[in-house]
Amino acid sequence: MKHKLKLGLAGVLAVLMIVLVLQNTEVVQTRLLFMTVEMPRAALLLVTLLVGVVIGMIVAARIFGGAKAPPAQ
């Protein structure tokens, strides 16, 4: 039951993200450090999403991966 709930929630979030991206297709200027980049807002949203997912995975790996008990001797 819990697995189905997580899967359903992930599906709903994915659909919401797709709708959000498809509604934002106009080109925008974005300043990244010392350069200005023109790209569709949808691409900017997807890049931001991917960076957030990667950072979340790294943090989760640090938190949950670093809590292992030392081997018994």
PDB file of N, CA and C in Angstrom:
ATOM      1  N   MET A   1       0.816  -1.192   0.000  1.00  0.00           N
ATOM      2  CA  MET A   1       0.000   0.000   0.000  1.00  0.00           C
ATOM      3  C   MET A   1       0.866   1.266   0.000  1.00  0.00           C
ATOM      4  N   LYS A   2       1.888   1.288   0.846  1.00  0.00           N
ATOM      5  CA  LYS A   2       2.765   2.449   0.933  1.00  0.00           C
ATOM      6  C   LYS A   2       3.521   2.659  -0.390  1.00  0.00           C
ATOM      7  N   HIS A   3       3.916   1.548  -1.022  1.00  0.00           N
ATOM      8  CA  HIS A   3       4.622   1.630  -2.297  1.00  0.00           C
ATOM      9  C   HIS A   3       3.724   2.241  -3.375  1.00  0.00           C
ATOM     10  N   LYS A   4       2.450   1.856  -3.401  1.00  0.00           N
ATOM     11  CA  LYS A   4       1.511   2.393  -4.379  1.00  0.00           C
ATOM     12  C   LYS A   4       1.270   3.881  -4.148  1.00  0.00           C
ATOM     13  N   LEU A   5       1.224   4.294  -2.895  1.00  0.00           N
ATOM     14  CA  LEU A   5       1.036   5.704  -2.576  1.00  0.00           C
ATOM     15  C   LEU A   5       2.220   6.533  -3.072  1.00  0.00           C
ATOM     16  N   LYS A   6       3.433   6.054  -2.826  1.00  0.00           N
ATOM     17  CA  LYS A   6       4.627   6.763  -3.297  1.00  0.00           C
ATOM     18  C   LYS A   6       4.651   6.833  -4.818  1.00  0.00           C
ATOM     19  N   LEU A   7       4.302   5.737  -5.474  1.00  0.00           N
ATOM     20  CA  LEU A   7       4.294   5.695  -6.935  1.00  0.00           C
ATOM     21  C   LEU A   7       3.244   6.654  -7.484  1.00  0.00           C
ATOM     22  N   GLY A   8       2.074   6.690  -6.865  1.00  0.00           N
ATOM     23  CA  GLY A   8       1.024   7.608  -7.295  1.00  0.00           C
ATOM     24  C   GLY A   8       1.425   9.058  -7.112  1.00  0.00           C
ATOM     25  N   LEU A   9       2.042   9.362  -5.986  1.00  0.00           N
ATOM     26  CA  LEU A   9       2.500  10.721  -5.720  1.00  0.00           C
ATOM     27  C   LEU A   9       3.574  11.138  -6.724  1.00  0.00           C
ATOM     28  N   ALA A  10       4.486  10.237  -7.032  1.00  0.00           N
ATOM     29  CA  ALA A  10       5.520  10.534  -8.028  1.00  0.00           C
ATOM     30  C   ALA A  10       4.892  10.775  -9.397  1.00  0.00           C
ATOM     31  N   GLY A  11       3.866  10.016  -9.734  1.00  0.00           N
ATOM     32  CA  GLY A  11       3.177  10.206 -11.009  1.00  0.00           C
ATOM     33  C   GLY A  11       2.480  11.555 -11.086  1.00  0.00           C
ATOM     34  N   VAL A  12       1.805  11.935 -10.008  1.00  0.00           N
ATOM     35  CA  VAL A  12       1.120  13.229  -9.967  1.00  0.00           C
ATOM     36  C   VAL A  12       2.133  14.362 -10.090  1.00  0.00           C
ATOM     37  N   LEU A  13       3.237  14.274  -9.371  1.00  0.00           N
ATOM     38  CA  LEU A  13       4.275  15.307  -9.450  1.00  0.00           C
ATOM     39  C   LEU A  13       4.886  15.389 -10.841  1.00  0.00           C
ATOM     40  N   ALA A  14       5.076  14.249 -11.487  1.00  0.00           N
ATOM     41  CA  ALA A  14       5.623  14.237 -12.842  1.00  0.00           C
ATOM     42  C   ALA A  14       4.658  14.916 -13.816  1.00  0.00           C
ATOM     43  N   VAL A  15       3.372  14.622 -13.697  1.00  0.00           N
ATOM     44  CA  VAL A  15       2.382  15.248 -14.578  1.00  0.00           C
ATOM     45  C   VAL A  15       2.339  16.759 -14.337  1.00  0.00           C
ATOM     46  N   LEU A  16       2.373  17.184 -13.083  1.00  0.00           N
ATOM     47  CA  LEU A  16       2.385  18.616 -12.775  1.00  0.00           C
ATOM     48  C   LEU A  16       3.620  19.298 -13.347  1.00  0.00           C
ATOM     49  N   MET A  17       4.760  18.646 -13.263  1.00  0.00           N
ATOM     50  CA  MET A  17       5.996  19.224 -13.815  1.00  0.00           C
ATOM     51  C   MET A  17       5.902  19.343 -15.332  1.00  0.00           C
ATOM     52  N   ILE A  18       5.344  18.336 -15.985  1.00  0.00           N
ATOM     53  CA  ILE A  18       5.200  18.386 -17.444  1.00  0.00           C
ATOM     54  C   ILE A  18       4.271  19.530 -17.849  1.00  0.00           C
ATOM     55  N   VAL A  19       3.155  19.692 -17.150  1.00  0.00           N
ATOM     56  CA  VAL A  19       2.224  20.783 -17.447  1.00  0.00           C
ATOM     57  C   VAL A  19       2.908  22.130 -17.235  1.00  0.00           C
ATOM     58  N   LEU A  20       3.638  22.273 -16.146  1.00  0.00           N
ATOM     59  CA  LEU A  20       4.342  23.518 -15.855  1.00  0.00           C
ATOM     60  C   LEU A  20       5.356  23.855 -16.947  1.00  0.00           C
ATOM     61  N   VAL A  21       6.093  22.856 -17.401  1.00  0.00           N
ATOM     62  CA  VAL A  21       7.100  23.084 -18.435  1.00  0.00           C
ATOM     63  C   VAL A  21       6.441  23.450 -19.758  1.00  0.00           C
ATOM     64  N   LEU A  22       5.378  22.760 -20.130  1.00  0.00           N
ATOM     65  CA  LEU A  22       4.725  23.029 -21.405  1.00  0.00           C
ATOM     66  C   LEU A  22       4.045  24.393 -21.442  1.00  0.00           C
ATOM     67  N   GLN A  23       3.692  24.943 -20.305  1.00  0.00           N
ATOM     68  CA  GLN A  23       3.073  26.263 -20.260  1.00  0.00           C
ATOM     69  C   GLN A  23       4.100  27.389 -20.311  1.00  0.00           C
ATOM     70  N   ASN A  24       5.367  27.072 -20.209  1.00  0.00           N
ATOM     71  CA  ASN A  24       6.416  28.101 -20.155  1.00  0.00           C
ATOM     72  C   ASN A  24       7.431  27.879 -21.274  1.00  0.00           C
ATOM     73  N   THR A  25       7.016  28.167 -22.505  1.00  0.00           N
ATOM     74  CA  THR A  25       7.899  27.902 -23.648  1.00  0.00           C
ATOM     75  C   THR A  25       8.558  29.161 -24.209  1.00  0.00           C
ATOM     76  N   GLU A  26       8.228  30.344 -23.701  1.00  0.00           N
ATOM     77  CA  GLU A  26       8.826  31.563 -24.247  1.00  0.00           C
ATOM     78  C   GLU A  26      10.307  31.657 -23.873  1.00  0.00           C
ATOM     79  N   VAL A  27      11.053  32.385 -24.696  1.00  0.00           N
ATOM     80  CA  VAL A  27      12.500  32.525 -24.492  1.00  0.00           C
ATOM     81  C   VAL A  27      12.756  33.606 -23.441  1.00  0.00           C
ATOM     82  N   VAL A  28      13.662  33.321 -22.512  1.00  0.00           N
ATOM     83  CA  VAL A  28      14.026  34.278 -21.467  1.00  0.00           C
ATOM     84  C   VAL A  28      15.547  34.411 -21.412  1.00  0.00           C
ATOM     85  N   GLN A  29      15.999  35.552 -20.920  1.00  0.00           N
ATOM     86  CA  GLN A  29      17.427  35.765 -20.699  1.00  0.00           C
ATOM     87  C   GLN A  29      17.746  35.437 -19.248  1.00  0.00           C
ATOM     88  N   THR A  30      18.828  34.689 -19.058  1.00  0.00           N
ATOM     89  CA  THR A  30      19.254  34.311 -17.721  1.00  0.00           C
ATOM     90  C   THR A  30      20.726  34.641 -17.573  1.00  0.00           C
ATOM     91  N   ARG A  31      21.080  35.309 -16.501  1.00  0.00           N
ATOM     92  CA  ARG A  31      22.484  35.605 -16.226  1.00  0.00           C
ATOM     93  C   ARG A  31      23.067  34.503 -15.361  1.00  0.00           C
ATOM     94  N   LEU A  32      24.124  33.872 -15.840  1.00  0.00           N
ATOM     95  CA  LEU A  32      24.833  32.831 -15.103  1.00  0.00           C
ATOM     96  C   LEU A  32      26.268  33.310 -14.895  1.00  0.00           C
ATOM     97  N   LEU A  33      26.560  33.740 -13.692  1.00  0.00           N
ATOM     98  CA  LEU A  33      27.861  34.301 -13.338  1.00  0.00           C
ATOM     99  C   LEU A  33      28.192  35.464 -14.257  1.00  0.00           C
ATOM    100  N   PHE A  34      29.073  35.273 -15.236  1.00  0.00           N
ATOM    101  CA  PHE A  34      29.520  36.382 -16.073  1.00  0.00           C
ATOM    102  C   PHE A  34      28.965  36.330 -17.485  1.00  0.00           C
ATOM    103  N   MET A  35      28.007  35.477 -17.752  1.00  0.00           N
ATOM    104  CA  MET A  35      27.464  35.388 -19.102  1.00  0.00           C
ATOM    105  C   MET A  35      25.942  35.444 -19.061  1.00  0.00           C
ATOM    106  N   THR A  36      25.364  35.845 -20.178  1.00  0.00           N
ATOM    107  CA  THR A  36      23.915  35.885 -20.325  1.00  0.00           C
ATOM    108  C   THR A  36      23.521  34.828 -21.341  1.00  0.00           C
ATOM    109  N   VAL A  37      22.555  33.996 -20.960  1.00  0.00           N
ATOM    110  CA  VAL A  37      22.115  32.896 -21.805  1.00  0.00           C
ATOM    111  C   VAL A  37      20.648  33.100 -22.144  1.00  0.00           C
ATOM    112  N   GLU A  38      20.302  32.918 -23.415  1.00  0.00           N
ATOM    113  CA  GLU A  38      18.903  32.946 -23.821  1.00  0.00           C
ATOM    114  C   GLU A  38      18.464  31.515 -24.077  1.00  0.00           C
ATOM    115  N   MET A  39      17.380  31.124 -23.434  1.00  0.00           N
ATOM    116  CA  MET A  39      16.865  29.768 -23.601  1.00  0.00           C
ATOM    117  C   MET A  39      15.377  29.777 -23.293  1.00  0.00           C
ATOM    118  N   PRO A  40      14.667  28.773 -23.774  1.00  0.00           N
ATOM    119  CA  PRO A  40      13.251  28.681 -23.401  1.00  0.00           C
ATOM    120  C   PRO A  40      13.120  28.493 -21.893  1.00  0.00           C
ATOM    121  N   ARG A  41      12.090  29.088 -21.331  1.00  0.00           N
ATOM    122  CA  ARG A  41      11.875  28.970 -19.897  1.00  0.00           C
ATOM    123  C   ARG A  41      11.690  27.502 -19.494  1.00  0.00           C
ATOM    124  N   ALA A  42      11.128  26.693 -20.393  1.00  0.00           N
ATOM    125  CA  ALA A  42      10.944  25.267 -20.104  1.00  0.00           C
ATOM    126  C   ALA A  42      12.299  24.589 -19.891  1.00  0.00           C
ATOM    127  N   ALA A  43      13.293  24.926 -20.716  1.00  0.00           N
ATOM    128  CA  ALA A  43      14.625  24.343 -20.554  1.00  0.00           C
ATOM    129  C   ALA A  43      15.246  24.776 -19.232  1.00  0.00           C
ATOM    130  N   LEU A  44      15.047  26.039 -18.877  1.00  0.00           N
ATOM    131  CA  LEU A  44      15.567  26.540 -17.609  1.00  0.00           C
ATOM    132  C   LEU A  44      14.924  25.808 -16.428  1.00  0.00           C
ATOM    133  N   LEU A  45      13.624  25.565 -16.514  1.00  0.00           N
ATOM    134  CA  LEU A  45      12.933  24.825 -15.456  1.00  0.00           C
ATOM    135  C   LEU A  45      13.441  23.390 -15.356  1.00  0.00           C
ATOM    136  N   LEU A  46      13.652  22.750 -16.502  1.00  0.00           N
ATOM    137  CA  LEU A  46      14.145  21.374 -16.485  1.00  0.00           C
ATOM    138  C   LEU A  46      15.563  21.286 -15.924  1.00  0.00           C
ATOM    139  N   VAL A  47      16.415  22.234 -16.306  1.00  0.00           N
ATOM    140  CA  VAL A  47      17.783  22.240 -15.773  1.00  0.00           C
ATOM    141  C   VAL A  47      17.755  22.446 -14.265  1.00  0.00           C
ATOM    142  N   THR A  48      16.920  23.370 -13.811  1.00  0.00           N
ATOM    143  CA  THR A  48      16.793  23.618 -12.376  1.00  0.00           C
ATOM    144  C   THR A  48      16.289  22.377 -11.648  1.00  0.00           C
ATOM    145  N   LEU A  49      15.309  21.695 -12.236  1.00  0.00           N
ATOM    146  CA  LEU A  49      14.786  20.467 -11.643  1.00  0.00           C
ATOM    147  C   LEU A  49      15.874  19.405 -11.535  1.00  0.00           C
ATOM    148  N   LEU A  50      16.626  19.220 -12.609  1.00  0.00           N
ATOM    149  CA  LEU A  50      17.678  18.199 -12.601  1.00  0.00           C
ATOM    150  C   LEU A  50      18.767  18.511 -11.577  1.00  0.00           C
ATOM    151  N   VAL A  51      19.153  19.779 -11.484  1.00  0.00           N
ATOM    152  CA  VAL A  51      20.162  20.166 -10.493  1.00  0.00           C
ATOM    153  C   VAL A  51      19.630  19.897  -9.080  1.00  0.00           C
ATOM    154  N   GLY A  52      18.377  20.202  -8.835  1.00  0.00           N
ATOM    155  CA  GLY A  52      17.779  19.939  -7.529  1.00  0.00           C
ATOM    156  C   GLY A  52      17.713  18.460  -7.195  1.00  0.00           C
ATOM    157  N   VAL A  53      17.376  17.641  -8.189  1.00  0.00           N
ATOM    158  CA  VAL A  53      17.314  16.195  -7.970  1.00  0.00           C
ATOM    159  C   VAL A  53      18.702  15.647  -7.653  1.00  0.00           C
ATOM    160  N   VAL A  54      19.702  16.084  -8.401  1.00  0.00           N
ATOM    161  CA  VAL A  54      21.069  15.604  -8.163  1.00  0.00           C
ATOM    162  C   VAL A  54      21.550  16.021  -6.773  1.00  0.00           C
ATOM    163  N   ILE A  55      21.315  17.261  -6.398  1.00  0.00           N
ATOM    164  CA  ILE A  55      21.718  17.723  -5.065  1.00  0.00           C
ATOM    165  C   ILE A  55      20.979  16.942  -3.983  1.00  0.00           C
ATOM    166  N   GLY A  56      19.685  16.696  -4.188  1.00  0.00           N
ATOM    167  CA  GLY A  56      18.913  15.906  -3.234  1.00  0.00           C
ATOM    168  C   GLY A  56      19.444  14.496  -3.086  1.00  0.00           C
ATOM    169  N   MET A  57      19.838  13.873  -4.195  1.00  0.00           N
ATOM    170  CA  MET A  57      20.390  12.520  -4.141  1.00  0.00           C
ATOM    171  C   MET A  57      21.731  12.498  -3.412  1.00  0.00           C
ATOM    172  N   ILE A  58      22.555  13.511  -3.640  1.00  0.00           N
ATOM    173  CA  ILE A  58      23.857  13.579  -2.969  1.00  0.00           C
ATOM    174  C   ILE A  58      23.658  13.756  -1.465  1.00  0.00           C
ATOM    175  N   VAL A  59      22.755  14.656  -1.086  1.00  0.00           N
ATOM    176  CA  VAL A  59      22.498  14.886   0.335  1.00  0.00           C
ATOM    177  C   VAL A  59      21.918  13.634   0.984  1.00  0.00           C
ATOM    178  N   ALA A  60      20.978  12.983   0.315  1.00  0.00           N
ATOM    179  CA  ALA A  60      20.382  11.762   0.867  1.00  0.00           C
ATOM    180  C   ALA A  60      21.427  10.660   1.011  1.00  0.00           C
ATOM    181  N   ALA A  61      22.327  10.546   0.059  1.00  0.00           N
ATOM    182  CA  ALA A  61      23.375   9.531   0.141  1.00  0.00           C
ATOM    183  C   ALA A  61      24.309   9.826   1.315  1.00  0.00           C
ATOM    184  N   ARG A  62      24.591  11.108   1.542  1.00  0.00           N
ATOM    185  CA  ARG A  62      25.450  11.485   2.675  1.00  0.00           C
ATOM    186  C   ARG A  62      24.766  11.173   4.001  1.00  0.00           C
ATOM    187  N   ILE A  63      23.484  11.494   4.084  1.00  0.00           N
ATOM    188  CA  ILE A  63      22.759  11.303   5.339  1.00  0.00           C
ATOM    189  C   ILE A  63      22.541   9.820   5.618  1.00  0.00           C
ATOM    190  N   PHE A  64      22.008   9.098   4.652  1.00  0.00           N
ATOM    191  CA  PHE A  64      21.655   7.701   4.874  1.00  0.00           C
ATOM    192  C   PHE A  64      22.830   6.754   4.644  1.00  0.00           C
ATOM    193  N   GLY A  65      23.785   7.139   3.829  1.00  0.00           N
ATOM    194  CA  GLY A  65      24.934   6.297   3.559  1.00  0.00           C
ATOM    195  C   GLY A  65      26.002   6.402   4.641  1.00  0.00           C
ATOM    196  N   GLY A  66      26.058   7.546   5.302  1.00  0.00           N
ATOM    197  CA  GLY A  66      27.068   7.769   6.316  1.00  0.00           C
ATOM    198  C   GLY A  66      26.696   7.242   7.686  1.00  0.00           C
ATOM    199  N   ALA A  67      25.493   6.699   7.838  1.00  0.00           N
ATOM    200  CA  ALA A  67      25.028   6.246   9.149  1.00  0.00           C
ATOM    201  C   ALA A  67      25.269   4.754   9.368  1.00  0.00           C
ATOM    202  N   LYS A  68      26.106   4.142   8.561  1.00  0.00           N
ATOM    203  CA  LYS A  68      26.369   2.716   8.696  1.00  0.00           C
ATOM    204  C   LYS A  68      27.235   2.448   9.932  1.00  0.00           C
ATOM    205  N   ALA A  69      26.923   1.370  10.604  1.00  0.00           N
ATOM    206  CA  ALA A  69      27.682   1.002  11.805  1.00  0.00           C
ATOM    207  C   ALA A  69      29.022   0.371  11.365  1.00  0.00           C
ATOM    208  N   PRO A  70      30.071   0.573  12.147  1.00  0.00           N
ATOM    209  CA  PRO A  70      31.358  -0.024  11.806  1.00  0.00           C
ATOM    210  C   PRO A  70      31.262  -1.553  11.937  1.00  0.00           C
ATOM    211  N   PRO A  71      32.051  -2.288  11.145  1.00  0.00           N
ATOM    212  CA  PRO A  71      31.986  -3.746  11.218  1.00  0.00           C
ATOM    213  C   PRO A  71      32.427  -4.251  12.587  1.00  0.00           C
ATOM    214  N   ALA A  72      31.746  -5.275  13.078  1.00  0.00           N
ATOM    215  CA  ALA A  72      32.068  -5.872  14.388  1.00  0.00           C
ATOM    216  C   ALA A  72      33.351  -6.680  14.295  1.00  0.00           C
ATOM    217  N   GLN A  73      34.166  -6.606  15.340  1.00  0.00           N
ATOM    218  CA  GLN A  73      35.430  -7.343  15.321  1.00  0.00           C
ATOM    219  C   GLN A  73      35.500  -8.307  16.480  1.00  0.00           C
TER     220      GLN A  73
END
